[in-house]
């Protein structure tokens, strides 16, 4: 094990992470999984949390070069290859890594949308069953679609309030049939599309009641097709069926278990049928059943330096 991370010095994770995006990386044995986490400003890191033992690895740190990050937002894992994709927001790009987090390639640059590869701060990212990549481009109020190697396929959306239009789209999730669910932050709603960008339906409006949103950010889908939305401004999570019908909501402002201070990311863990919710203001990640029952928190106890 000489030269491995296991032989390097351990310490308490400091500063505490400012979490947003999350993804599950399967291990070589069933049950050996890691939670990949984007750790935002001022930390600028990618973390890997072992879900079985108290161990956190730093996979990436601040910088502008290959494999470095600047305010990363979202992270996904290709279920077919295990490769990892990160929206490196303030570097205006997407980065691709092996399952061991070795840099493969990057694409994107800063811009106002005249080029398909321009991102004034990419946010959400998702992958479909064909391995195609969807990137939420909020500054240009659109979704961009690429193949697995970053080759541009198509784009849709513009600023507005109509069907298929956005005001700061923030996150995206793929359903089992490759339909797409997008959180439309300033319009206070969720929109659903086919994989080619064809509009299907929308639900929600600004407010604090059932099926109403205040700055919805993170979104994900469980194995039953139910949809979960981090209703950030209302300090709660809302759950819907695949047609957008309200099922339930949970959460309130605070620091206790099941309370939030800016929930922003949400990820379904299929093996345990659990939901991981990143709570930016409280600098933690809470774990819930799909019925909204609090079941624990992710522990960032030990840091293993790269």
Protein backbone atom coordinates (compact mmCIF):
# COMPACT_ATOMS: atom_id res chain seq x y z
CA UNK A 1 0.00 0.00 0.00
CA UNK A 2 3.04 2.28 -0.11
CA UNK A 3 2.22 5.54 -1.82
CA UNK A 4 -1.52 5.03 -1.52
CA UNK A 5 -3.93 7.52 0.01
CA UNK A 6 -4.42 5.16 2.95
CA UNK A 7 -0.87 5.83 4.12
CA UNK A 8 -1.16 9.60 4.03
CA UNK A 9 -2.03 11.77 6.99
CA UNK A 10 -5.63 12.08 8.13
CA UNK A 11 -7.25 15.12 9.71
CA UNK A 12 -10.65 16.59 10.46
CA UNK A 13 -12.34 17.94 7.33
CA UNK A 14 -11.85 21.69 7.46
CA UNK A 15 -13.41 23.91 6.33
CA UNK A 16 -16.74 22.17 6.39
CA UNK A 17 -18.12 21.51 2.90
CA UNK A 18 -20.60 23.79 1.16
CA UNK A 19 -22.44 21.02 -0.66
CA UNK A 20 -24.63 21.06 -3.76
CA UNK A 21 -24.39 18.33 -6.39
CA UNK A 22 -24.16 14.64 -5.52
CA UNK A 23 -23.89 11.31 -7.32
CA UNK A 24 -23.52 7.67 -6.31
CA UNK A 25 -20.40 5.85 -7.51
CA UNK A 26 -20.71 2.07 -7.27
CA UNK A 27 -17.80 0.15 -5.82
CA UNK A 28 -16.31 -3.18 -6.95
CA UNK A 29 -18.59 -5.04 -4.52
CA UNK A 30 -22.33 -4.51 -4.01
CA UNK A 31 -22.80 -2.20 -1.04
CA UNK A 32 -19.40 -0.58 -1.42
CA UNK A 33 -20.51 2.77 -2.73
CA UNK A 34 -19.22 6.31 -2.50
CA UNK A 35 -21.11 9.58 -2.51
CA UNK A 36 -19.46 12.09 -4.82
CA UNK A 37 -20.06 15.67 -3.71
CA UNK A 38 -19.40 19.08 -5.25
CA UNK A 39 -18.04 21.39 -2.54
CA UNK A 40 -18.55 24.98 -3.67
CA UNK A 41 -17.20 28.44 -2.88
CA UNK A 42 -14.99 29.07 -0.96
CA UNK A 43 -13.71 25.48 -0.89
CA UNK A 44 -13.76 24.56 -4.61
CA UNK A 45 -13.41 20.81 -4.17
CA UNK A 46 -14.79 17.47 -5.29
CA UNK A 47 -15.22 15.03 -2.40
CA UNK A 48 -15.76 11.28 -2.28
CA UNK A 49 -17.46 10.03 0.89
CA UNK A 50 -17.27 6.33 1.68
CA UNK A 51 -20.78 5.36 2.77
CA UNK A 52 -19.56 2.40 4.85
CA UNK A 53 -16.75 3.93 6.90
CA UNK A 54 -15.83 7.41 8.14
CA UNK A 55 -13.58 8.39 5.26
CA UNK A 56 -13.62 11.33 2.87
CA UNK A 57 -11.23 11.73 -0.06
CA UNK A 58 -10.51 15.02 -1.80
CA UNK A 59 -10.58 14.28 -5.52
CA UNK A 60 -10.12 17.79 -6.90
CA UNK A 61 -9.13 21.21 -5.59
CA UNK A 62 -9.20 24.81 -6.78
CA UNK A 63 -7.65 25.75 -10.09
CA UNK A 64 -8.16 26.24 -13.80
CA UNK A 65 -6.16 23.36 -15.22
CA UNK A 66 -7.30 19.86 -16.19
CA UNK A 67 -8.78 18.09 -13.17
CA UNK A 68 -9.01 21.29 -11.10
CA UNK A 69 -12.30 23.03 -10.31
CA UNK A 70 -13.67 26.50 -9.63
CA UNK A 71 -17.07 26.49 -7.87
CA UNK A 72 -18.27 23.11 -9.22
CA UNK A 73 -22.06 22.63 -9.21
CA UNK A 74 -23.24 19.20 -10.36
CA UNK A 75 -21.79 15.74 -10.80
CA UNK A 76 -23.05 12.56 -12.45
CA UNK A 77 -21.83 9.01 -13.03
CA UNK A 78 -22.30 7.14 -16.29
CA UNK A 79 -24.07 3.93 -15.18
CA UNK A 80 -22.54 2.00 -18.09
CA UNK A 81 -18.88 3.00 -17.77
CA UNK A 82 -18.58 4.55 -14.31
CA UNK A 83 -17.05 7.65 -15.87
CA UNK A 84 -17.75 10.89 -13.98
CA UNK A 85 -18.89 14.24 -15.39
CA UNK A 86 -18.70 17.54 -13.49
CA UNK A 87 -20.09 20.97 -14.33
CA UNK A 88 -17.13 23.17 -13.43
CA UNK A 89 -19.23 26.29 -13.18
CA UNK A 90 -16.84 29.21 -12.83
CA UNK A 91 -14.39 27.60 -15.27
CA UNK A 92 -17.31 27.57 -17.75
CA UNK A 93 -16.85 23.94 -18.75
CA UNK A 94 -17.71 20.27 -18.28
CA UNK A 95 -14.99 17.86 -17.20
CA UNK A 96 -14.93 14.09 -17.71
CA UNK A 97 -13.05 11.64 -15.46
CA UNK A 98 -12.53 7.90 -15.14
CA UNK A 99 -14.19 6.06 -12.20
CA UNK A 100 -10.87 6.54 -10.36
CA UNK A 101 -11.12 10.26 -11.06
CA UNK A 102 -8.35 10.47 -13.61
CA UNK A 103 -8.92 13.39 -15.98
CA UNK A 104 -10.07 12.41 -19.50
CA UNK A 105 -11.21 15.56 -21.27
CA UNK A 106 -13.08 18.85 -21.01
CA UNK A 107 -15.32 20.99 -23.19
CA UNK A 108 -16.92 24.43 -22.97
CA UNK A 109 -15.86 28.04 -22.57
CA UNK A 110 -17.20 31.33 -21.26
CA UNK A 111 -19.67 33.02 -23.55
CA UNK A 112 -23.13 34.42 -24.18
CA UNK A 113 -24.43 31.57 -26.31
CA UNK A 114 -23.28 32.44 -29.82
CA UNK A 115 -21.47 29.09 -29.83
CA UNK A 116 -22.97 25.76 -28.77
CA UNK A 117 -20.02 25.23 -26.45
CA UNK A 118 -20.35 28.50 -24.56
CA UNK A 119 -21.55 28.43 -20.95
CA UNK A 120 -21.78 31.51 -18.72
CA UNK A 121 -21.78 29.13 -15.75
CA UNK A 122 -23.17 25.61 -16.42
CA UNK A 123 -25.17 24.11 -13.56
CA UNK A 124 -27.16 20.87 -13.67
CA UNK A 125 -26.04 17.82 -15.62
CA UNK A 126 -27.67 14.48 -16.45
CA UNK A 127 -27.05 11.40 -18.60
CA UNK A 128 -29.56 9.25 -20.50
CA UNK A 129 -29.59 5.53 -21.34
CA UNK A 130 -27.64 6.17 -24.57
CA UNK A 131 -24.89 7.97 -22.67
CA UNK A 132 -25.83 11.40 -24.02
CA UNK A 133 -25.14 14.31 -21.69
CA UNK A 134 -27.55 17.16 -20.90
CA UNK A 135 -26.13 20.38 -19.47
CA UNK A 136 -28.24 23.13 -17.91
CA UNK A 137 -27.02 26.49 -19.23
CA UNK A 138 -28.86 28.99 -16.99
CA UNK A 139 -27.13 32.11 -18.21
CA UNK A 140 -28.37 31.37 -21.72
CA UNK A 141 -31.73 30.02 -20.45
CA UNK A 142 -31.38 26.75 -22.33
CA UNK A 143 -30.47 23.06 -22.22
CA UNK A 144 -27.53 21.77 -24.26
CA UNK A 145 -27.18 18.13 -25.33
CA UNK A 146 -23.87 16.41 -26.15
CA UNK A 147 -22.73 12.90 -26.81
CA UNK A 148 -20.53 11.08 -24.31
CA UNK A 149 -17.39 12.62 -25.78
CA UNK A 150 -18.68 16.18 -25.63
CA UNK A 151 -19.71 16.46 -29.28
CA UNK A 152 -22.63 18.90 -29.59
CA UNK A 153 -25.99 17.38 -30.60
CA UNK A 154 -28.67 20.04 -30.08
CA UNK A 155 -29.97 22.78 -27.81
CA UNK A 156 -33.37 24.15 -26.83
CA UNK A 157 -34.86 26.92 -24.72
CA UNK A 158 -34.73 30.69 -24.49
CA UNK A 159 -35.61 33.28 -21.89
CA UNK A 160 -39.33 33.56 -21.25
CA UNK A 161 -42.36 32.24 -19.41
CA UNK A 162 -43.95 30.08 -22.11
CA UNK A 163 -43.76 26.33 -22.51
CA UNK A 164 -40.19 25.31 -23.25
CA UNK A 165 -38.85 28.69 -22.18
CA UNK A 166 -36.84 29.31 -19.02
CA UNK A 167 -35.82 31.89 -16.51
CA UNK A 168 -32.67 30.43 -15.00
CA UNK A 169 -33.07 26.67 -15.38
CA UNK A 170 -31.01 25.03 -12.64
CA UNK A 171 -31.08 21.24 -12.56
CA UNK A 172 -32.10 18.30 -14.72
CA UNK A 173 -32.92 14.63 -14.13
CA UNK A 174 -33.58 11.73 -16.50
CA UNK A 175 -36.51 9.36 -16.06
CA UNK A 176 -36.39 5.66 -16.92
CA UNK A 177 -37.84 6.34 -20.40
CA UNK A 178 -35.30 9.14 -20.96
CA UNK A 179 -37.84 11.92 -20.49
CA UNK A 180 -36.22 14.94 -18.82
CA UNK A 181 -37.31 16.91 -15.77
CA UNK A 182 -35.95 20.48 -15.44
CA UNK A 183 -36.25 22.92 -12.54
CA UNK A 184 -37.06 26.41 -13.87
CA UNK A 185 -35.97 28.59 -10.96
CA UNK A 186 -37.35 32.09 -11.52
CA UNK A 187 -40.53 30.81 -13.19
CA UNK A 188 -41.16 28.77 -10.05
CA UNK A 189 -42.03 25.58 -11.90
CA UNK A 190 -40.91 22.23 -13.25
CA UNK A 191 -40.88 21.43 -16.95
CA UNK A 192 -40.76 18.03 -18.61
CA UNK A 193 -39.36 17.23 -22.08
CA UNK A 194 -38.59 14.38 -24.42
CA UNK A 195 -34.90 13.69 -24.94
CA UNK A 196 -34.98 15.77 -28.16
CA UNK A 197 -36.30 18.81 -26.31
CA UNK A 198 -39.97 18.35 -27.25
CA UNK A 199 -42.10 19.92 -24.50
CA UNK A 200 -44.36 17.51 -22.58
CA UNK A 201 -45.84 19.34 -19.60
CA UNK A 202 -45.21 21.81 -16.81
CA UNK A 203 -46.42 22.24 -13.25
CA UNK A 204 -45.98 24.67 -10.42
CA UNK A 205 -46.00 28.43 -9.94
CA UNK A 206 -44.30 30.85 -7.52
CA UNK A 207 -45.64 30.55 -3.98
CA UNK A 208 -45.48 28.50 -0.80
CA UNK A 209 -48.47 26.17 -1.14
CA UNK A 210 -48.64 22.65 -2.53
CA UNK A 211 -47.06 22.46 -6.01
CA UNK A 212 -45.77 26.01 -5.60
CA UNK A 213 -42.10 26.88 -5.52
CA UNK A 214 -39.69 29.56 -4.43
CA UNK A 215 -36.39 29.15 -6.27
CA UNK A 216 -36.58 25.40 -7.01
CA UNK A 217 -33.08 24.05 -7.57
CA UNK A 218 -32.22 20.35 -7.31
CA UNK A 219 -34.39 17.66 -8.89
CA UNK A 220 -34.16 13.87 -9.11
CA UNK A 221 -36.28 10.82 -9.90
CA UNK A 222 -36.58 7.57 -7.92
CA UNK A 223 -36.92 4.00 -9.19
CA UNK A 224 -40.73 4.29 -9.14
CA UNK A 225 -40.70 7.39 -11.33
CA UNK A 226 -41.60 9.78 -8.52
CA UNK A 227 -39.98 13.21 -8.76
CA UNK A 228 -38.35 15.12 -5.90
CA UNK A 229 -37.64 18.85 -5.95
CA UNK A 230 -35.45 20.86 -3.60
CA UNK A 231 -37.82 23.82 -3.04
CA UNK A 232 -34.97 25.96 -1.82
CA UNK A 233 -36.66 29.22 -0.92
CA UNK A 234 -39.43 27.40 0.94
CA UNK A 235 -36.88 25.30 2.88
CA UNK A 236 -38.46 21.98 1.94
CA UNK A 237 -38.57 19.03 -0.43
CA UNK A 238 -41.65 18.35 -2.57
CA UNK A 239 -42.56 14.97 -4.05
CA UNK A 240 -44.65 14.42 -7.21
CA UNK A 241 -45.68 11.51 -9.38
CA UNK A 242 -44.42 11.25 -12.95
CA UNK A 243 -47.32 13.38 -14.20
CA UNK A 244 -46.54 16.20 -11.79
CA UNK A 245 -49.32 15.43 -9.30
CA UNK A 246 -48.42 16.52 -5.77
CA UNK A 247 -47.77 13.69 -3.29
CA UNK A 248 -46.25 15.33 -0.21
CA UNK A 249 -43.76 17.87 1.13
CA UNK A 250 -41.48 18.01 4.15
CA UNK A 251 -39.04 20.38 5.79
CA UNK A 252 -38.93 23.81 7.39
CA UNK A 253 -36.30 26.43 8.17
CA UNK A 254 -33.93 25.52 10.98
CA UNK A 255 -30.84 23.59 12.03
CA UNK A 256 -32.44 20.45 13.43
CA UNK A 257 -32.89 17.05 11.84
CA UNK A 258 -35.26 17.35 8.90
CA UNK A 259 -34.92 21.14 8.81
CA UNK A 260 -33.08 23.11 6.16
CA UNK A 261 -31.22 26.29 5.43
CA UNK A 262 -31.11 26.37 1.66
CA UNK A 263 -31.60 22.79 0.41
CA UNK A 264 -30.19 22.80 -3.10
CA UNK A 265 -29.23 19.34 -4.31
CA UNK A 266 -31.11 16.06 -4.21
CA UNK A 267 -30.03 12.55 -5.20
CA UNK A 268 -31.82 9.20 -5.06
CA UNK A 269 -29.79 6.26 -3.73
CA UNK A 270 -31.28 3.18 -5.32
CA UNK A 271 -29.62 0.53 -3.15
CA UNK A 272 -31.14 1.89 0.06
CA UNK A 273 -34.13 3.67 -1.55
CA UNK A 274 -32.99 6.80 0.25
CA UNK A 275 -32.79 10.47 -0.65
CA UNK A 276 -29.69 12.55 -0.04
CA UNK A 277 -30.44 16.28 0.30
CA UNK A 278 -27.59 18.79 0.36
CA UNK A 279 -28.32 21.59 2.81
CA UNK A 280 -25.98 24.41 1.84
CA UNK A 281 -26.60 26.81 4.71
CA UNK A 282 -26.27 24.11 7.37
CA UNK A 283 -23.23 22.66 5.57
CA UNK A 284 -24.46 19.10 5.69
CA UNK A 285 -26.19 16.38 3.72
CA UNK A 286 -29.32 14.85 5.23
CA UNK A 287 -30.72 11.42 4.41
CA UNK A 288 -34.45 10.63 4.18
CA UNK A 289 -36.73 7.81 3.21
CA UNK A 290 -38.76 8.44 0.06
CA UNK A 291 -41.65 9.28 2.42
CA UNK A 292 -39.64 12.13 3.93
CA UNK A 293 -38.67 10.46 7.21
CA UNK A 294 -35.29 11.66 8.44
CA UNK A 295 -32.83 8.77 8.74
CA UNK A 296 -29.40 10.32 9.22
CA UNK A 297 -26.68 12.62 7.95
CA UNK A 298 -23.59 12.10 5.85
CA UNK A 299 -20.51 12.28 8.03
CA UNK A 300 -17.42 14.17 6.84
CA UNK A 301 -15.34 12.96 9.77
CA UNK A 302 -11.99 11.98 8.30
CA UNK A 303 -10.28 13.62 5.39
CA UNK A 304 -7.72 11.74 3.31
CA UNK A 305 -5.56 14.17 1.38
CA UNK A 306 -4.69 13.47 -2.24
